[in-house]
Amino acid sequence: MDKRVQFDFEIKFTNGGGLQGQEFRLDIEGDDISDEELAHYIVDDLRLLMVGEVKIFNKKIINETHKRKSADGNSGR
């Protein structure tokens, strides 16, 4: 079974403003991901610029099929 991480997050931008997400889910490789890795993943995946602080809350790993298409067009990463 594939693994996904479900979490809440708060991102503050260096030029003002912010972004929040609740019960956000991302596909992950392996059985765990650190908050720091997850923060980088979110910023890169959403292609955010001028990011200041990123906070992760209520993180949990769940068993769920990956939703994203892989490079070969199949479900999963």
PDB file of N, CA and C in Angstrom:
ATOM      1  N   MET A   1       0.846  -1.188   0.000  1.00  0.00           N
ATOM      2  CA  MET A   1       0.000   0.000   0.000  1.00  0.00           C
ATOM      3  C   MET A   1       0.885   1.242   0.000  1.00  0.00           C
ATOM      4  N   ASP A   2       0.505   2.216  -0.777  1.00  0.00           N
ATOM      5  CA  ASP A   2       1.236   3.485  -0.836  1.00  0.00           C
ATOM      6  C   ASP A   2       1.023   4.275   0.446  1.00  0.00           C
ATOM      7  N   LYS A   3       1.930   5.195   0.696  1.00  0.00           N
ATOM      8  CA  LYS A   3       1.847   6.066   1.867  1.00  0.00           C
ATOM      9  C   LYS A   3       1.610   7.503   1.431  1.00  0.00           C
ATOM     10  N   ARG A   4       0.781   8.185   2.191  1.00  0.00           N
ATOM     11  CA  ARG A   4       0.546   9.614   1.998  1.00  0.00           C
ATOM     12  C   ARG A   4       0.649  10.276   3.358  1.00  0.00           C
ATOM     13  N   VAL A   5       0.914  11.545   3.369  1.00  0.00           N
ATOM     14  CA  VAL A   5       0.946  12.298   4.610  1.00  0.00           C
ATOM     15  C   VAL A   5      -0.210  13.303   4.568  1.00  0.00           C
ATOM     16  N   GLN A   6      -0.941  13.366   5.663  1.00  0.00           N
ATOM     17  CA  GLN A   6      -2.019  14.340   5.822  1.00  0.00           C
ATOM     18  C   GLN A   6      -1.594  15.314   6.913  1.00  0.00           C
ATOM     19  N   PHE A   7      -1.792  16.611   6.687  1.00  0.00           N
ATOM     20  CA  PHE A   7      -1.293  17.604   7.635  1.00  0.00           C
ATOM     21  C   PHE A   7      -1.962  18.952   7.409  1.00  0.00           C
ATOM     22  N   ASP A   8      -1.808  19.810   8.387  1.00  0.00           N
ATOM     23  CA  ASP A   8      -2.192  21.216   8.275  1.00  0.00           C
ATOM     24  C   ASP A   8      -0.899  22.011   8.150  1.00  0.00           C
ATOM     25  N   PHE A   9      -0.949  23.151   7.490  1.00  0.00           N
ATOM     26  CA  PHE A   9       0.255  23.968   7.382  1.00  0.00           C
ATOM     27  C   PHE A   9      -0.079  25.445   7.368  1.00  0.00           C
ATOM     28  N   GLU A  10       0.937  26.221   7.697  1.00  0.00           N
ATOM     29  CA  GLU A  10       0.848  27.676   7.637  1.00  0.00           C
ATOM     30  C   GLU A  10       2.158  28.186   7.038  1.00  0.00           C
ATOM     31  N   ILE A  11       2.049  28.983   5.998  1.00  0.00           N
ATOM     32  CA  ILE A  11       3.218  29.554   5.338  1.00  0.00           C
ATOM     33  C   ILE A  11       3.126  31.069   5.408  1.00  0.00           C
ATOM     34  N   LYS A  12       4.209  31.695   5.853  1.00  0.00           N
ATOM     35  CA  LYS A  12       4.289  33.153   5.864  1.00  0.00           C
ATOM     36  C   LYS A  12       5.291  33.578   4.794  1.00  0.00           C
ATOM     37  N   PHE A  13       4.929  34.615   4.060  1.00  0.00           N
ATOM     38  CA  PHE A  13       5.786  35.116   2.998  1.00  0.00           C
ATOM     39  C   PHE A  13       6.596  36.315   3.474  1.00  0.00           C
ATOM     40  N   THR A  14       7.803  36.440   2.939  1.00  0.00           N
ATOM     41  CA  THR A  14       8.692  37.522   3.356  1.00  0.00           C
ATOM     42  C   THR A  14       8.204  38.890   2.888  1.00  0.00           C
ATOM     43  N   ASN A  15       7.345  38.921   1.882  1.00  0.00           N
ATOM     44  CA  ASN A  15       6.804  40.187   1.386  1.00  0.00           C
ATOM     45  C   ASN A  15       5.403  40.463   1.923  1.00  0.00           C
ATOM     46  N   GLY A  16       5.005  39.710   2.972  1.00  0.00           N
ATOM     47  CA  GLY A  16       3.687  39.884   3.581  1.00  0.00           C
ATOM     48  C   GLY A  16       2.720  38.810   3.126  1.00  0.00           C
ATOM     49  N   GLY A  17       1.706  38.614   3.899  1.00  0.00           N
ATOM     50  CA  GLY A  17       0.684  37.639   3.553  1.00  0.00           C
ATOM     51  C   GLY A  17       1.074  36.235   3.965  1.00  0.00           C
ATOM     52  N   GLY A  18       0.164  35.313   3.704  1.00  0.00           N
ATOM     53  CA  GLY A  18       0.410  33.931   4.064  1.00  0.00           C
ATOM     54  C   GLY A  18      -0.570  32.998   3.388  1.00  0.00           C
ATOM     55  N   LEU A  19      -0.378  31.734   3.648  1.00  0.00           N
ATOM     56  CA  LEU A  19      -1.185  30.676   3.055  1.00  0.00           C
ATOM     57  C   LEU A  19      -1.373  29.595   4.103  1.00  0.00           C
ATOM     58  N   GLN A  20      -2.592  29.079   4.214  1.00  0.00           N
ATOM     59  CA  GLN A  20      -2.866  27.998   5.156  1.00  0.00           C
ATOM     60  C   GLN A  20      -3.555  26.858   4.429  1.00  0.00           C
ATOM     61  N   GLY A  21      -3.322  25.649   4.927  1.00  0.00           N
ATOM     62  CA  GLY A  21      -3.997  24.475   4.393  1.00  0.00           C
ATOM     63  C   GLY A  21      -4.395  23.549   5.525  1.00  0.00           C
ATOM     64  N   GLN A  22      -5.555  22.941   5.409  1.00  0.00           N
ATOM     65  CA  GLN A  22      -6.028  21.998   6.408  1.00  0.00           C
ATOM     66  C   GLN A  22      -6.283  20.649   5.757  1.00  0.00           C
ATOM     67  N   GLU A  23      -5.840  19.610   6.442  1.00  0.00           N
ATOM     68  CA  GLU A  23      -5.997  18.228   5.977  1.00  0.00           C
ATOM     69  C   GLU A  23      -5.472  18.045   4.552  1.00  0.00           C
ATOM     70  N   PHE A  24      -4.386  18.742   4.249  1.00  0.00           N
ATOM     71  CA  PHE A  24      -3.714  18.660   2.956  1.00  0.00           C
ATOM     72  C   PHE A  24      -3.053  17.288   2.862  1.00  0.00           C
ATOM     73  N   ARG A  25      -3.043  16.675   1.708  1.00  0.00           N
ATOM     74  CA  ARG A  25      -2.428  15.360   1.535  1.00  0.00           C
ATOM     75  C   ARG A  25      -1.429  15.377   0.391  1.00  0.00           C
ATOM     76  N   LEU A  26      -0.302  14.697   0.625  1.00  0.00           N
ATOM     77  CA  LEU A  26       0.727  14.545  -0.399  1.00  0.00           C
ATOM     78  C   LEU A  26       1.216  13.107  -0.405  1.00  0.00           C
ATOM     79  N   ASP A  27       1.550  12.609  -1.585  1.00  0.00           N
ATOM     80  CA  ASP A  27       2.187  11.298  -1.717  1.00  0.00           C
ATOM     81  C   ASP A  27       3.596  11.383  -1.155  1.00  0.00           C
ATOM     82  N   ILE A  28       4.028  10.334  -0.450  1.00  0.00           N
ATOM     83  CA  ILE A  28       5.405  10.287   0.039  1.00  0.00           C
ATOM     84  C   ILE A  28       6.002   8.922  -0.272  1.00  0.00           C
ATOM     85  N   GLU A  29       7.316   8.900  -0.320  1.00  0.00           N
ATOM     86  CA  GLU A  29       8.068   7.654  -0.454  1.00  0.00           C
ATOM     87  C   GLU A  29       8.435   7.206   0.955  1.00  0.00           C
ATOM     88  N   GLY A  30       8.282   5.942   1.270  1.00  0.00           N
ATOM     89  CA  GLY A  30       8.662   5.441   2.586  1.00  0.00           C
ATOM     90  C   GLY A  30       7.552   5.597   3.600  1.00  0.00           C
ATOM     91  N   ASP A  31       7.933   5.410   4.867  1.00  0.00           N
ATOM     92  CA  ASP A  31       6.961   5.381   5.954  1.00  0.00           C
ATOM     93  C   ASP A  31       6.879   6.663   6.766  1.00  0.00           C
ATOM     94  N   ASP A  32       7.729   7.649   6.492  1.00  0.00           N
ATOM     95  CA  ASP A  32       7.723   8.877   7.281  1.00  0.00           C
ATOM     96  C   ASP A  32       8.381   9.999   6.486  1.00  0.00           C
ATOM     97  N   ILE A  33       8.150  11.231   6.926  1.00  0.00           N
ATOM     98  CA  ILE A  33       8.785  12.404   6.344  1.00  0.00           C
ATOM     99  C   ILE A  33       8.927  13.435   7.463  1.00  0.00           C
ATOM    100  N   SER A  34      10.071  14.076   7.567  1.00  0.00           N
ATOM    101  CA  SER A  34      10.289  15.073   8.607  1.00  0.00           C
ATOM    102  C   SER A  34       9.495  16.346   8.266  1.00  0.00           C
ATOM    103  N   ASP A  35       9.234  17.153   9.286  1.00  0.00           N
ATOM    104  CA  ASP A  35       8.542  18.422   9.052  1.00  0.00           C
ATOM    105  C   ASP A  35       9.341  19.305   8.103  1.00  0.00           C
ATOM    106  N   GLU A  36      10.660  19.300   8.250  1.00  0.00           N
ATOM    107  CA  GLU A  36      11.517  20.116   7.379  1.00  0.00           C
ATOM    108  C   GLU A  36      11.415  19.651   5.923  1.00  0.00           C
ATOM    109  N   GLU A  37      11.487  18.343   5.695  1.00  0.00           N
ATOM    110  CA  GLU A  37      11.350  17.806   4.330  1.00  0.00           C
ATOM    111  C   GLU A  37       9.974  18.134   3.765  1.00  0.00           C
ATOM    112  N   LEU A  38       8.956  18.002   4.606  1.00  0.00           N
ATOM    113  CA  LEU A  38       7.593  18.277   4.175  1.00  0.00           C
ATOM    114  C   LEU A  38       7.428  19.744   3.798  1.00  0.00           C
ATOM    115  N   ALA A  39       8.011  20.644   4.585  1.00  0.00           N
ATOM    116  CA  ALA A  39       7.946  22.074   4.274  1.00  0.00           C
ATOM    117  C   ALA A  39       8.586  22.361   2.915  1.00  0.00           C
ATOM    118  N   HIS A  40       9.758  21.766   2.655  1.00  0.00           N
ATOM    119  CA  HIS A  40      10.416  21.957   1.352  1.00  0.00           C
ATOM    120  C   HIS A  40       9.563  21.379   0.225  1.00  0.00           C
ATOM    121  N   TYR A  41       8.957  20.231   0.468  1.00  0.00           N
ATOM    122  CA  TYR A  41       8.111  19.566  -0.524  1.00  0.00           C
ATOM    123  C   TYR A  41       6.943  20.484  -0.909  1.00  0.00           C
ATOM    124  N   ILE A  42       6.274  21.056   0.101  1.00  0.00           N
ATOM    125  CA  ILE A  42       5.124  21.935  -0.172  1.00  0.00           C
ATOM    126  C   ILE A  42       5.557  23.136  -1.007  1.00  0.00           C
ATOM    127  N   VAL A  43       6.612  23.804  -0.567  1.00  0.00           N
ATOM    128  CA  VAL A  43       7.093  25.013  -1.256  1.00  0.00           C
ATOM    129  C   VAL A  43       7.468  24.684  -2.698  1.00  0.00           C
ATOM    130  N   ASP A  44       8.204  23.593  -2.905  1.00  0.00           N
ATOM    131  CA  ASP A  44       8.609  23.205  -4.266  1.00  0.00           C
ATOM    132  C   ASP A  44       7.412  22.782  -5.103  1.00  0.00           C
ATOM    133  N   ASP A  45       6.535  21.947  -4.527  1.00  0.00           N
ATOM    134  CA  ASP A  45       5.401  21.413  -5.263  1.00  0.00           C
ATOM    135  C   ASP A  45       4.421  22.504  -5.685  1.00  0.00           C
ATOM    136  N   LEU A  46       4.240  23.508  -4.831  1.00  0.00           N
ATOM    137  CA  LEU A  46       3.331  24.606  -5.146  1.00  0.00           C
ATOM    138  C   LEU A  46       4.041  25.755  -5.862  1.00  0.00           C
ATOM    139  N   ARG A  47       5.365  25.608  -6.057  1.00  0.00           N
ATOM    140  CA  ARG A  47       6.188  26.599  -6.745  1.00  0.00           C
ATOM    141  C   ARG A  47       6.055  27.984  -6.125  1.00  0.00           C
ATOM    142  N   LEU A  48       6.153  28.015  -4.795  1.00  0.00           N
ATOM    143  CA  LEU A  48       6.012  29.271  -4.065  1.00  0.00           C
ATOM    144  C   LEU A  48       7.336  30.024  -4.020  1.00  0.00           C
ATOM    145  N   LEU A  49       7.247  31.345  -4.050  1.00  0.00           N
ATOM    146  CA  LEU A  49       8.418  32.213  -3.968  1.00  0.00           C
ATOM    147  C   LEU A  49       8.311  33.083  -2.727  1.00  0.00           C
ATOM    148  N   MET A  50       9.445  33.611  -2.284  1.00  0.00           N
ATOM    149  CA  MET A  50       9.517  34.539  -1.166  1.00  0.00           C
ATOM    150  C   MET A  50       8.892  33.965   0.109  1.00  0.00           C
ATOM    151  N   VAL A  51       9.172  32.690   0.344  1.00  0.00           N
ATOM    152  CA  VAL A  51       8.642  32.006   1.525  1.00  0.00           C
ATOM    153  C   VAL A  51       9.522  32.296   2.720  1.00  0.00           C
ATOM    154  N   GLY A  52       8.881  32.654   3.818  1.00  0.00           N
ATOM    155  CA  GLY A  52       9.573  32.869   5.083  1.00  0.00           C
ATOM    156  C   GLY A  52       9.445  31.617   5.931  1.00  0.00           C
ATOM    157  N   GLU A  53       8.574  31.668   6.904  1.00  0.00           N
ATOM    158  CA  GLU A  53       8.390  30.571   7.849  1.00  0.00           C
ATOM    159  C   GLU A  53       7.313  29.597   7.370  1.00  0.00           C
ATOM    160  N   VAL A  54       7.575  28.301   7.573  1.00  0.00           N
ATOM    161  CA  VAL A  54       6.593  27.255   7.277  1.00  0.00           C
ATOM    162  C   VAL A  54       6.389  26.440   8.548  1.00  0.00           C
ATOM    163  N   LYS A  55       5.138  26.314   8.978  1.00  0.00           N
ATOM    164  CA  LYS A  55       4.804  25.513  10.152  1.00  0.00           C
ATOM    165  C   LYS A  55       3.919  24.346   9.726  1.00  0.00           C
ATOM    166  N   ILE A  56       4.220  23.176  10.283  1.00  0.00           N
ATOM    167  CA  ILE A  56       3.463  21.961  10.010  1.00  0.00           C
ATOM    168  C   ILE A  56       2.752  21.554  11.295  1.00  0.00           C
ATOM    169  N   PHE A  57       1.462  21.205  11.192  1.00  0.00           N
ATOM    170  CA  PHE A  57       0.668  20.789  12.339  1.00  0.00           C
ATOM    171  C   PHE A  57      -0.090  19.497  12.014  1.00  0.00           C
ATOM    172  N   ASN A  58      -0.396  18.736  13.036  1.00  0.00           N
ATOM    173  CA  ASN A  58      -1.304  17.576  12.924  1.00  0.00           C
ATOM    174  C   ASN A  58      -0.901  16.606  11.819  1.00  0.00           C
ATOM    175  N   LYS A  59       0.389  16.350  11.694  1.00  0.00           N
ATOM    176  CA  LYS A  59       0.890  15.458  10.636  1.00  0.00           C
ATOM    177  C   LYS A  59       0.606  14.002  11.001  1.00  0.00           C
ATOM    178  N   LYS A  60       0.092  13.264  10.033  1.00  0.00           N
ATOM    179  CA  LYS A  60      -0.049  11.822  10.227  1.00  0.00           C
ATOM    180  C   LYS A  60       0.143  11.109   8.892  1.00  0.00           C
ATOM    181  N   ILE A  61       0.753   9.939   8.975  1.00  0.00           N
ATOM    182  CA  ILE A  61       0.995   9.117   7.788  1.00  0.00           C
ATOM    183  C   ILE A  61      -0.203   8.182   7.631  1.00  0.00           C
ATOM    184  N   ILE A  62      -0.710   8.104   6.420  1.00  0.00           N
ATOM    185  CA  ILE A  62      -1.867   7.252   6.163  1.00  0.00           C
ATOM    186  C   ILE A  62      -1.563   6.293   5.018  1.00  0.00           C
ATOM    187  N   ASN A  63      -2.223   5.162   5.040  1.00  0.00           N
ATOM    188  CA  ASN A  63      -2.148   4.196   3.941  1.00  0.00           C
ATOM    189  C   ASN A  63      -3.223   4.556   2.938  1.00  0.00           C
ATOM    190  N   GLU A  64      -2.791   4.984   1.766  1.00  0.00           N
ATOM    191  CA  GLU A  64      -3.729   5.394   0.729  1.00  0.00           C
ATOM    192  C   GLU A  64      -2.991   5.368  -0.600  1.00  0.00           C
ATOM    193  N   THR A  65      -3.658   4.956  -1.620  1.00  0.00           N
ATOM    194  CA  THR A  65      -3.055   4.898  -2.946  1.00  0.00           C
ATOM    195  C   THR A  65      -2.621   6.286  -3.393  1.00  0.00           C
ATOM    196  N   HIS A  66      -1.434   6.367  -3.958  1.00  0.00           N
ATOM    197  CA  HIS A  66      -0.947   7.634  -4.492  1.00  0.00           C
ATOM    198  C   HIS A  66      -1.913   8.152  -5.546  1.00  0.00           C
ATOM    199  N   LYS A  67      -2.118   9.452  -5.561  1.00  0.00           N
ATOM    200  CA  LYS A  67      -3.084  10.077  -6.469  1.00  0.00           C
ATOM    201  C   LYS A  67      -2.449  10.647  -7.726  1.00  0.00           C
ATOM    202  N   ARG A  68      -1.181  10.953  -7.655  1.00  0.00           N
ATOM    203  CA  ARG A  68      -0.484  11.603  -8.735  1.00  0.00           C
ATOM    204  C   ARG A  68      -0.042  10.585  -9.790  1.00  0.00           C
ATOM    205  N   LYS A  69      -0.055  10.996 -11.018  1.00  0.00           N
ATOM    206  CA  LYS A  69       0.447  10.149 -12.105  1.00  0.00           C
ATOM    207  C   LYS A  69       1.969  10.146 -12.110  1.00  0.00           C
ATOM    208  N   SER A  70       2.561   8.998 -12.327  1.00  0.00           N
ATOM    209  CA  SER A  70       4.014   8.927 -12.444  1.00  0.00           C
ATOM    210  C   SER A  70       4.420   9.352 -13.862  1.00  0.00           C
ATOM    211  N   ALA A  71       5.711   9.426 -14.112  1.00  0.00           N
ATOM    212  CA  ALA A  71       6.222   9.853 -15.414  1.00  0.00           C
ATOM    213  C   ALA A  71       5.763   8.937 -16.546  1.00  0.00           C
ATOM    214  N   ASP A  72       5.520   7.646 -16.214  1.00  0.00           N
ATOM    215  CA  ASP A  72       5.079   6.718 -17.259  1.00  0.00           C
ATOM    216  C   ASP A  72       3.569   6.710 -17.438  1.00  0.00           C
ATOM    217  N   GLY A  73       2.855   7.604 -16.691  1.00  0.00           N
ATOM    218  CA  GLY A  73       1.423   7.732 -16.849  1.00  0.00           C
ATOM    219  C   GLY A  73       0.600   6.866 -15.914  1.00  0.00           C
ATOM    220  N   ASN A  74       1.260   6.036 -15.123  1.00  0.00           N
ATOM    221  CA  ASN A  74       0.538   5.209 -14.168  1.00  0.00           C
ATOM    222  C   ASN A  74       0.303   5.957 -12.876  1.00  0.00           C
ATOM    223  N   SER A  75      -0.710   5.539 -12.129  1.00  0.00           N
ATOM    224  CA  SER A  75      -0.960   6.138 -10.820  1.00  0.00           C
ATOM    225  C   SER A  75       0.204   5.821  -9.903  1.00  0.00           C
ATOM    226  N   GLY A  76       0.525   6.736  -9.003  1.00  0.00           N
ATOM    227  CA  GLY A  76       1.643   6.537  -8.091  1.00  0.00           C
ATOM    228  C   GLY A  76       2.823   7.357  -8.502  1.00  0.00           C
ATOM    229  N   ARG A  77       3.871   7.284  -7.690  1.00  0.00           N
ATOM    230  CA  ARG A  77       5.084   8.055  -7.954  1.00  0.00           C
ATOM    231  C   ARG A  77       6.195   7.169  -8.392  1.00  0.00           C
TER     232      ARG A  77
END
